[in-house]
Every structure is written in C-alpha cells, then in structure tokens.
Protein backbone atom coordinates (compact mmCIF):
# COMPACT_ATOMS: atom_id res chain seq x y z
CA UNK A 1 3.21 6.10 4.74
CA UNK A 2 5.97 7.25 6.86
CA UNK A 3 6.39 10.79 7.06
CA UNK A 4 7.30 12.76 3.69
CA UNK A 5 4.35 11.35 1.74
CA UNK A 6 1.72 13.50 0.65
CA UNK A 7 -1.74 12.15 0.35
CA UNK A 8 -4.47 12.97 -1.96
CA UNK A 9 -7.66 11.41 -3.86
CA UNK A 10 -7.84 11.66 -7.56
CA UNK A 11 -11.00 10.81 -9.75
CA UNK A 12 -11.20 8.78 -12.42
CA UNK A 13 -14.57 7.77 -13.92
CA UNK A 14 -16.66 6.91 -10.99
CA UNK A 15 -13.80 5.72 -8.90
CA UNK A 16 -11.92 8.11 -6.65
CA UNK A 17 -8.59 6.86 -5.90
CA UNK A 18 -6.36 7.37 -2.27
CA UNK A 19 -2.66 7.81 -3.49
CA UNK A 20 0.29 8.69 -1.22
CA UNK A 21 3.12 10.90 -3.23
CA UNK A 22 6.95 11.33 -2.67
CA UNK A 23 10.03 11.88 -3.61
CA UNK A 24 11.42 12.93 -7.35
CA UNK A 25 12.41 11.75 -10.80
CA UNK A 26 10.76 9.02 -12.88
CA UNK A 27 7.52 7.95 -11.59
CA UNK A 28 6.86 4.54 -9.90
CA UNK A 29 3.26 3.53 -9.21
CA UNK A 30 2.74 0.94 -6.46
CA UNK A 31 -0.23 -1.58 -5.86
CA UNK A 32 -0.78 -3.82 -3.08
CA UNK A 33 -2.44 -6.99 -3.17
CA UNK A 34 -5.32 -8.75 -1.06
CA UNK A 35 -6.18 -8.39 1.84
CA UNK A 36 -4.03 -5.15 2.49
CA UNK A 37 -4.03 -1.64 1.46
CA UNK A 38 -1.27 0.86 0.09
CA UNK A 39 0.43 0.94 3.25
CA UNK A 40 1.93 -2.55 2.70
CA UNK A 41 4.68 -0.50 1.03
CA UNK A 42 5.86 1.15 4.52
CA UNK A 43 9.14 -0.21 3.78
CA UNK A 44 9.69 -0.18 0.14
CA UNK A 45 8.28 3.16 -0.98
CA UNK A 46 10.72 5.62 1.10
CA UNK A 47 13.67 3.51 -0.31
CA UNK A 48 12.48 4.37 -3.25
CA UNK A 49 12.21 8.75 -3.07
CA UNK A 50 15.53 9.49 -3.56
CA UNK A 51 15.69 8.83 -7.20
CA UNK A 52 11.92 8.43 -8.07
CA UNK A 53 8.50 9.86 -7.71
CA UNK A 54 6.60 7.12 -5.80
CA UNK A 55 2.91 6.87 -5.90
CA UNK A 56 1.22 4.14 -3.58
CA UNK A 57 -2.46 3.62 -4.48
CA UNK A 58 -5.39 1.96 -2.90
CA UNK A 59 -6.71 -0.33 -5.38
CA UNK A 60 -10.63 0.37 -6.30
CA UNK A 61 -12.61 0.37 -3.58
CA UNK A 62 -10.43 -0.70 -1.10
CA UNK A 63 -8.98 1.16 2.03
CA UNK A 64 -9.45 5.14 1.12
CA UNK A 65 -10.42 4.42 -2.38
CA UNK A 66 -14.42 4.62 -3.12
CA UNK A 67 -15.90 3.08 -6.08
CA UNK A 68 -19.61 2.21 -7.00
CA UNK A 69 -19.96 -1.60 -6.03
CA UNK A 70 -19.60 -4.22 -8.96
CA UNK A 71 -22.20 -5.98 -10.93
CA UNK A 72 -23.04 -9.67 -10.95
CA UNK A 73 -19.87 -10.81 -12.61
CA UNK A 74 -17.77 -8.26 -11.04
CA UNK A 75 -18.21 -5.69 -13.74
CA UNK A 76 -16.18 -2.20 -13.02
CA UNK A 77 -13.69 -4.31 -11.38
CA UNK A 78 -12.08 -5.84 -14.77
CA UNK A 79 -8.33 -5.12 -14.70
CA UNK A 80 -8.72 -3.45 -17.82
CA UNK A 81 -11.33 -0.85 -16.67
CA UNK A 82 -9.15 -0.66 -13.25
CA UNK A 83 -5.93 -0.59 -15.49
CA UNK A 84 -7.21 1.94 -17.54
CA UNK A 85 -8.44 4.40 -14.24
CA UNK A 86 -4.93 4.21 -12.86
CA UNK A 87 -3.48 5.24 -15.93
CA UNK A 88 -5.99 8.44 -15.91
CA UNK A 89 -4.94 8.62 -12.25
CA UNK A 90 -1.22 9.02 -13.11
CA UNK A 91 -1.89 11.50 -16.06
CA UNK A 92 -3.67 13.64 -13.45
CA UNK A 93 -0.40 13.58 -11.16
CA UNK A 94 1.63 14.79 -14.43
CA UNK A 95 2.94 11.15 -15.10
CA UNK A 96 2.20 10.16 -18.86
CA UNK A 97 5.06 7.75 -18.77
CA UNK A 98 5.93 5.32 -15.43
CA UNK A 99 6.85 1.82 -14.10
CA UNK A 100 4.22 -0.15 -12.15
CA UNK A 101 5.33 -2.63 -9.49
CA UNK A 102 2.25 -4.77 -8.29
CA UNK A 103 1.63 -7.55 -5.73
CA UNK A 104 -0.79 -9.92 -5.76
CA UNK A 105 -4.06 -8.46 -7.13
CA UNK A 106 -2.50 -5.30 -7.62
CA UNK A 107 0.34 -7.43 -9.73
CA UNK A 108 -2.60 -8.35 -12.20
CA UNK A 109 -3.66 -4.69 -12.62
CA UNK A 110 0.02 -4.01 -13.57
CA UNK A 111 0.60 -6.61 -16.22
CA UNK A 112 -2.96 -5.61 -17.63
CA UNK A 113 -1.76 -2.47 -17.61
CA UNK A 114 1.31 -3.33 -19.73
CA UNK A 115 -0.62 -5.07 -21.83
CA UNK A 116 -3.26 -2.35 -22.58
CA UNK A 117 -1.07 0.96 -22.31
CA UNK A 118 2.62 -0.21 -23.74
CA UNK A 119 2.82 3.84 -24.45
CA UNK A 120 2.88 4.43 -20.84
CA UNK A 121 4.39 1.81 -19.06
CA UNK A 122 8.07 1.81 -19.15
CA UNK A 123 8.60 -1.49 -16.94
CA UNK A 124 7.03 -3.62 -14.98
CA UNK A 125 7.50 -5.48 -12.04
CA UNK A 126 5.00 -8.58 -10.91
CA UNK A 127 5.12 -10.34 -7.44
CA UNK A 128 3.73 -13.59 -6.22
CA UNK A 129 1.53 -14.00 -9.27
CA UNK A 130 0.84 -15.85 -12.84
CA UNK A 131 -1.29 -14.51 -15.11
CA UNK A 132 -5.28 -14.99 -14.02
CA UNK A 133 -6.04 -17.39 -17.06
CA UNK A 134 -2.61 -19.35 -16.44
CA UNK A 135 -3.12 -19.32 -12.59
CA UNK A 136 -6.87 -20.86 -13.48
CA UNK A 137 -5.47 -23.43 -15.64
CA UNK A 138 -2.70 -24.25 -12.77
CA UNK A 139 -6.09 -25.30 -10.25
CA UNK A 140 -6.19 -28.89 -9.42
CA UNK A 141 -7.12 -31.07 -6.57
CA UNK A 142 -3.39 -30.20 -5.25
CA UNK A 143 -3.96 -26.71 -5.42
CA UNK A 144 -7.17 -25.76 -5.33
CA UNK A 145 -7.60 -25.55 -1.15
CA UNK A 146 -4.56 -23.07 -1.19
CA UNK A 147 -6.08 -20.96 -3.76
CA UNK A 148 -9.46 -21.03 -1.99
CA UNK A 149 -10.07 -16.69 -2.15
CA UNK A 150 -10.56 -17.29 -6.21
CA UNK A 151 -13.29 -19.55 -5.53
CA UNK A 152 -15.06 -18.22 -2.38
CA UNK A 153 -14.88 -14.38 -3.16
CA UNK A 154 -16.08 -15.05 -6.43
CA UNK A 155 -19.34 -16.47 -5.36
CA UNK A 156 -22.17 -14.55 -6.06
CA UNK A 157 -23.52 -11.55 -4.11
CA UNK A 158 -24.32 -11.16 -1.38
CA UNK A 159 -23.44 -14.39 -0.11
CA UNK A 160 -19.47 -13.84 -0.52
CA UNK A 161 -19.51 -10.64 1.23
CA UNK A 162 -21.76 -11.61 3.88
CA UNK A 163 -19.60 -14.72 4.94
CA UNK A 164 -16.64 -13.02 4.97
CA UNK A 165 -17.73 -10.02 6.67
CA UNK A 166 -19.15 -12.38 9.43
CA UNK A 167 -15.63 -13.22 10.34
CA UNK A 168 -13.71 -10.25 8.78
CA UNK A 169 -10.97 -9.92 11.21
CA UNK A 170 -10.40 -13.99 11.34
CA UNK A 171 -10.03 -14.09 7.95
CA UNK A 172 -7.36 -11.24 7.99
CA UNK A 173 -5.58 -12.58 10.66
CA UNK A 174 -5.55 -16.03 9.36
CA UNK A 175 -4.12 -15.05 5.67
CA UNK A 176 -1.60 -12.62 7.23
CA UNK A 177 -0.35 -15.59 9.62
CA UNK A 178 -0.41 -18.57 7.04
CA UNK A 179 0.32 -17.01 3.58
CA UNK A 180 3.86 -15.57 5.05
CA UNK A 181 7.37 -17.97 5.56
CA UNK A 182 6.49 -17.27 9.46
CA UNK A 183 3.36 -16.51 11.31
CA UNK A 184 5.07 -13.84 12.95
CA UNK A 185 6.43 -12.49 9.73
CA UNK A 186 4.01 -9.26 9.24
CA UNK A 187 4.57 -6.50 11.94
CA UNK A 188 1.98 -6.84 14.73
CA UNK A 189 1.19 -3.10 14.03
CA UNK A 190 1.00 -3.55 10.42
CA UNK A 191 -1.70 -6.72 10.99
CA UNK A 192 -4.13 -4.37 13.19
CA UNK A 193 -3.73 -1.42 10.48
CA UNK A 194 -4.96 -4.11 7.71
CA UNK A 195 -8.10 -5.54 10.54
CA UNK A 196 -9.04 -2.06 10.84
CA UNK A 197 -8.89 -1.42 6.96
CA UNK A 198 -11.20 -4.44 5.97
CA UNK A 199 -14.20 -2.80 6.49
CA UNK A 200 -18.01 -4.08 4.61
CA UNK A 201 -17.11 -1.81 1.60
CA UNK A 202 -13.48 -2.91 1.03
CA UNK A 203 -14.79 -6.52 1.39
CA UNK A 204 -17.42 -5.81 -1.22
CA UNK A 205 -14.68 -4.34 -3.40
CA UNK A 206 -12.27 -7.65 -3.01
CA UNK A 207 -15.24 -9.71 -4.01
CA UNK A 208 -16.03 -7.76 -6.85
CA UNK A 209 -12.45 -8.06 -7.67
CA UNK A 210 -12.28 -11.89 -7.52
CA UNK A 211 -15.58 -11.88 -9.15
CA UNK A 212 -14.03 -10.12 -11.98
CA UNK A 213 -11.08 -12.26 -12.38
CA UNK A 214 -13.03 -15.81 -12.81
CA UNK A 215 -15.92 -14.34 -15.20
CA UNK A 216 -14.03 -11.35 -16.80
CA UNK A 217 -10.00 -11.28 -16.31
CA UNK A 218 -9.38 -14.77 -17.25
CA UNK A 219 -11.57 -14.24 -20.84
CA UNK A 220 -9.30 -11.08 -21.28
CA UNK A 221 -6.13 -13.04 -21.00
CA UNK A 222 -7.43 -16.03 -23.04
CA UNK A 223 -8.12 -13.72 -25.95
CA UNK A 224 -4.75 -12.46 -25.65
CA UNK A 225 -2.75 -15.34 -25.53
CA UNK A 226 -4.76 -16.84 -28.01
CA UNK A 227 -4.02 -13.53 -30.49
CA UNK A 228 -0.19 -13.58 -29.36
CA UNK A 229 -0.12 -10.53 -27.73
CA UNK A 230 2.86 -10.01 -25.23
CA UNK A 231 4.14 -7.23 -22.73
CA UNK A 232 6.41 -5.05 -24.84
CA UNK A 233 8.59 -3.46 -21.75
CA UNK A 234 10.65 -5.64 -19.44
CA UNK A 235 9.38 -7.51 -16.69
CA UNK A 236 10.93 -8.06 -13.18
CA UNK A 237 9.42 -11.22 -11.63
CA UNK A 238 9.71 -12.06 -7.83
CA UNK A 239 8.17 -14.45 -5.61
CA UNK A 240 8.65 -15.91 -2.15
CA UNK A 241 11.31 -18.60 -2.05
CA UNK A 242 8.49 -20.48 0.21
CA UNK A 243 6.32 -20.44 -2.43
CA UNK A 244 7.31 -22.45 -5.46
CA UNK A 245 9.73 -25.37 -5.05
CA UNK A 246 10.63 -25.40 -8.77
CA UNK A 247 13.76 -23.43 -9.02
CA UNK A 248 12.45 -21.16 -11.98
CA UNK A 249 8.91 -20.71 -10.25
CA UNK A 250 6.67 -18.76 -12.40
CA UNK A 251 9.53 -17.04 -14.60
CA UNK A 252 9.00 -19.73 -17.79
CA UNK A 253 5.19 -18.76 -17.63
CA UNK A 254 5.99 -15.23 -17.59
CA UNK A 255 8.56 -15.82 -20.42
CA UNK A 256 5.34 -16.42 -22.80
CA UNK A 257 3.97 -13.33 -21.70
CA UNK A 258 7.28 -11.12 -22.51
CA UNK A 259 10.41 -11.15 -24.28
CA UNK A 260 12.28 -9.32 -21.76
CA UNK A 261 11.77 -11.48 -18.57
CA UNK A 262 14.02 -11.50 -15.24
CA UNK A 263 13.95 -12.02 -11.65
CA UNK A 264 13.74 -14.92 -9.14
CA UNK A 265 12.94 -16.33 -5.56
CA UNK A 266 13.29 -13.64 -2.66
CA UNK A 267 13.47 -14.78 1.05
CA UNK A 268 10.23 -15.66 2.74
CA UNK A 269 6.66 -16.56 1.39
CA UNK A 270 3.43 -14.44 -0.16
CA UNK A 271 4.07 -11.35 1.11
CA UNK A 272 7.49 -10.14 -0.31
CA UNK A 273 7.05 -6.38 0.01
CA UNK A 274 7.00 -6.89 3.77
CA UNK A 275 9.09 -10.14 4.25
CA UNK A 276 11.58 -9.09 1.73
CA UNK A 277 11.66 -5.57 1.68
CA UNK A 278 15.72 -4.73 1.38
CA UNK A 279 16.04 -7.34 -1.14
CA UNK A 280 13.09 -6.30 -3.24
CA UNK A 281 14.40 -2.58 -2.68
CA UNK A 282 17.76 -3.66 -4.28
CA UNK A 283 16.28 -5.43 -7.04
CA UNK A 284 13.89 -2.67 -8.01
CA UNK A 285 16.88 0.23 -7.62
CA UNK A 286 18.60 -2.21 -10.34
CA UNK A 287 15.78 -2.57 -12.72
CA UNK A 288 14.41 0.77 -12.38
CA UNK A 289 18.02 2.10 -13.46
CA UNK A 290 19.84 3.00 -10.14
CA UNK A 291 22.82 2.08 -9.02
CA UNK A 292 22.45 -0.99 -6.99
C-alpha cells in the first residue's frame, strides 16, 4: 500500500491475517480476489481514507497471511469459516460494525459475512461475482472453459497444487492479461508483485479455497437459498462492462439474495479495482455515505 498505511498481523483461530490500515471514520474492509493480494487496492484504498478507516487484508493463507493447509474438501477454507475469522480480526482492530468490499474470491467471503453476521456488516459491495451456488448452476458448455479455476483448482491435493506450481508465473501472467479488457490493463509493477506473491503456500491456499467452493460453499449457499435466507444490508454490485453482455449483468441474480441491491457495469474487464479505480471510488463514496 502507499505510504500512510500501517501493516500488522492479527490472529484469529489458527490463522494469522496480514492487514494494512489507514484513515479515520467508519470502517471498511477490503478483500481481494484470485490470483492477487491486498495490494490490488492500491488505487482505491487511499482515496477512501479521508472519511473511513480502511482495512485491506490478505485472504486466508494468501500473500502475507498464514494458515494451516486445507482439508481434502477444502475444510478450513469455506467462506463461513473465513468470514467468522475476519469478523474477529475486525473486532480486534476495534470495529464491531463495518462495511465490506470484496472482489472475486474476496466477494464470496463478503456476501457470506453479510449473511452470517448481519449485526456486524452494515453494507456490502461485491465485484465480479454471483453467489457460488448460482455460479455453478450457470456453468455449461459455453462457460465452463472460461471458469476453469473453479474445476481445475478444486481437483484433489496435491495434483492441483503441483500442476499450478509447475507453471506458477505463467498462470499469473495469463490471468492478468486475459481476464482484463486489455492485456496491458494491469500495471507492469503490479504484475511483478503478484508473480512474486504466488508462492507454493499461496497456491495451496487458493486450491483449498476453490476446493471449499466446490464441496462446501456451494452447499452452504444452496441451504440458504432453500430456506429463503437473504442479505439484510444494502448491497452494491459492480462488474466489468466487458464481462457480461446482458445490460443488467448479475443484478437480477443478486436481487434474489437481497432486498436492497444497486449497481451496474464499470469500464474494463474482471479486475475492477485496477481497471476502473476512479469509477469504483466514486461509487463507493456514495454507497458508503460520502458526498459524491
């Protein structure tokens, strides 16, 4: 993160989370996605610090965070457990109530946190996702190749870990040039940072995350959907304009999961925090209660 952010480590359960904190005011937790780390918010986080306490956190076992390896089905990495750990992290920082903004895998933790901890999460913003069970429901012959991490990284250990680790740099560079709207969308120094952070330990954590999505998170979502459980706080949804040809994108899906849903497409592709940082900041300021 830029100068002004204080870095610390906070333990929750058997996990230790690396967090960067700056600013003053109501707290907002920023959670990154695959294959990145908390530094993906480098253009967004500083712009929010004038009126918010910003907490940017590496996900469980990723980057500078440390955690035990996941179980055969991704046990330890289901989003319910990660969400509970991060609620404890925020409490340790003195934030009993907060907003959460998640991109990609971080968004899956964010909406699970809003479902499971309604007394803690005041507002939730999800970027570039639909709920996990909905994502698997949408997989078909036309989309399966595009969503290959959902299936490849969920393969049993150590096959997935060994396969990805054997071509770790290629995997990161491929994702960061094919998922954005433009191959040059992610800054070169940021690409190098993500490549360096894609260590064997981080790869193992990502595989556990995707394994848990397939075996555990999908079932958690399905149970909530069957029971009619919904998110009570306001939900902001954004996605890259180049990702979804439908004008409303994922909004109709999210409106089945929450009563107060707003949002829309932002310029670019999958990596909204970097491809559309200015537009995202403006939207978050309004959503979080700031003057636009």
